[in-house]
Protein backbone atom coordinates (compact mmCIF):
# COMPACT_ATOMS: atom_id res chain seq x y z
CA MET A 1 0.06 -0.06 0.09
CA THR A 2 1.34 3.43 -1.00
CA ALA A 3 0.70 6.76 0.80
CA ALA A 4 -1.67 8.96 -0.78
CA PRO A 5 -0.07 12.17 -2.17
CA SER A 6 -0.49 15.14 0.03
CA PRO A 7 -3.63 17.18 -1.22
CA ASN A 8 -1.40 20.56 -1.18
CA PRO A 9 2.11 19.55 -2.23
CA ARG A 10 3.15 23.19 -1.66
CA ILE A 11 2.95 22.82 2.25
CA PRO A 12 6.66 21.38 2.53
CA PHE A 13 7.94 23.93 0.11
CA ASP A 14 6.23 26.80 1.84
CA GLN A 15 7.61 25.48 5.39
CA GLU A 16 11.16 25.54 3.88
CA LEU A 17 10.57 28.97 2.31
CA CYS A 18 9.55 30.16 6.02
CA GLY A 19 12.81 28.52 7.31
CA LEU A 20 14.74 30.22 4.96
CA VAL A 21 13.35 33.60 5.71
CA LEU A 22 13.59 32.98 9.59
CA GLY A 23 17.25 31.66 8.98
CA THR A 24 18.32 35.10 7.37
CA ALA A 25 16.16 37.63 8.97
CA PRO A 26 17.90 40.69 10.21
CA ARG A 27 17.75 41.93 13.61
CA LEU A 28 15.45 45.13 14.46
CA PHE A 29 16.70 47.38 17.06
CA ALA A 30 15.78 50.72 18.46
CA VAL A 31 18.40 53.20 19.52
CA VAL A 32 17.07 54.84 22.79
CA GLN A 33 18.44 58.05 24.33
CA VAL A 34 18.37 58.70 28.01
CA CYS A 35 18.63 61.87 29.75
CA ASP A 36 19.88 61.75 33.43
CA GLU A 37 20.54 57.78 33.51
CA GLY A 38 20.74 56.37 36.96
CA ARG A 39 18.75 59.49 38.42
CA GLU A 40 15.40 58.83 39.78
CA ASP A 41 13.90 61.50 37.32
CA ALA A 42 15.46 59.78 34.10
CA ASP A 43 13.87 59.92 30.85
CA GLY A 44 14.19 58.37 27.68
CA TRP A 45 12.81 58.16 24.23
CA VAL A 46 13.39 56.38 20.99
CA ALA A 47 15.83 58.28 18.68
CA ALA A 48 16.26 55.91 15.73
CA TRP A 49 15.44 52.41 14.35
CA GLY A 50 17.81 50.03 12.80
CA LEU A 51 18.44 46.73 11.09
CA ALA A 52 21.31 44.44 11.74
CA ASP A 53 22.13 41.62 9.09
CA HIS A 54 24.12 38.81 10.60
CA ALA A 55 26.53 38.82 7.44
CA GLY A 56 26.48 42.40 6.74
CA PRO A 57 26.12 46.24 7.51
CA THR A 58 23.83 47.78 9.86
CA HIS A 59 21.46 50.26 8.54
CA VAL A 60 19.88 52.93 10.81
CA ILE A 61 17.45 55.86 10.43
CA SER A 62 16.76 58.49 12.89
CA LEU A 63 12.95 58.99 14.01
CA ASP A 64 12.81 62.19 12.15
CA GLY A 65 14.16 60.73 8.99
CA ARG A 66 16.88 63.22 8.61
CA ALA A 67 19.89 60.94 9.49
CA ARG A 68 20.38 57.67 7.71
CA MET A 69 23.53 55.63 7.93
CA THR A 70 25.09 52.35 7.22
CA LEU A 71 27.65 51.31 9.73
CA PRO A 72 29.95 48.33 10.52
CA SER A 73 27.85 47.33 13.60
CA PRO A 74 24.78 48.35 15.72
CA GLU A 75 27.13 49.55 18.49
CA ARG A 76 28.48 51.96 16.14
CA ALA A 77 25.34 53.86 15.99
CA LEU A 78 25.56 54.84 19.78
CA ARG A 79 28.29 57.30 19.28
CA HIS A 80 26.18 59.32 16.80
CA PHE A 81 23.31 59.56 19.58
CA THR A 82 25.48 60.56 22.70
CA ASN A 83 26.80 63.88 21.37
CA GLN A 84 25.08 66.16 24.03
CA PRO A 85 26.02 66.34 27.58
CA GLY A 86 24.08 64.31 30.07
CA ILE A 87 22.44 62.06 27.10
CA THR A 88 23.45 58.24 26.59
CA ALA A 89 22.44 56.12 24.13
CA ARG A 90 21.32 52.27 24.39
CA LEU A 91 20.44 49.45 21.66
CA VAL A 92 17.08 47.84 22.54
CA TRP A 93 16.73 44.69 20.60
CA LEU A 94 13.26 43.47 19.36
CA ALA A 95 13.07 39.71 19.96
CA GLN A 96 14.35 37.60 17.20
CA PRO A 97 11.38 36.29 15.18
CA ASP A 98 10.18 32.74 15.69
CA ALA A 99 7.42 32.33 13.12
CA ALA A 100 6.77 33.27 9.45
CA ALA A 101 3.79 32.63 7.28
CA ILE A 102 3.29 32.90 3.42
CA ASP A 103 1.08 35.56 2.42
CA ARG A 104 -0.67 34.54 -1.11
CA PRO A 105 -2.08 37.15 -3.39
CA ALA A 106 -5.59 36.78 -4.39
CA ALA A 107 -6.23 35.08 -7.85
CA ALA A 108 -6.88 37.71 -10.35
């Protein structure tokens, strides 16, 4: 007795594509500026967003869109956002994605 063919042969291929996407996805992070760090009245805000590719450069864009940078690492972005007295900068990483889904366009 032979196994019946899968009613949807694309499912294994779609799973393979999703795995490929997850394995090569860039990491998303924010550059957060902090004023008066360590004090009770410290304040912080998002100054920029970045994408870090595990095998390439890091791309950063400020929240207002006026500064765009391509840097060798996410940590290099910090020096561009700590140029005022009393202001420090940190990287805040979003969680690495653990799921992906294929979005199929509707048939025309």
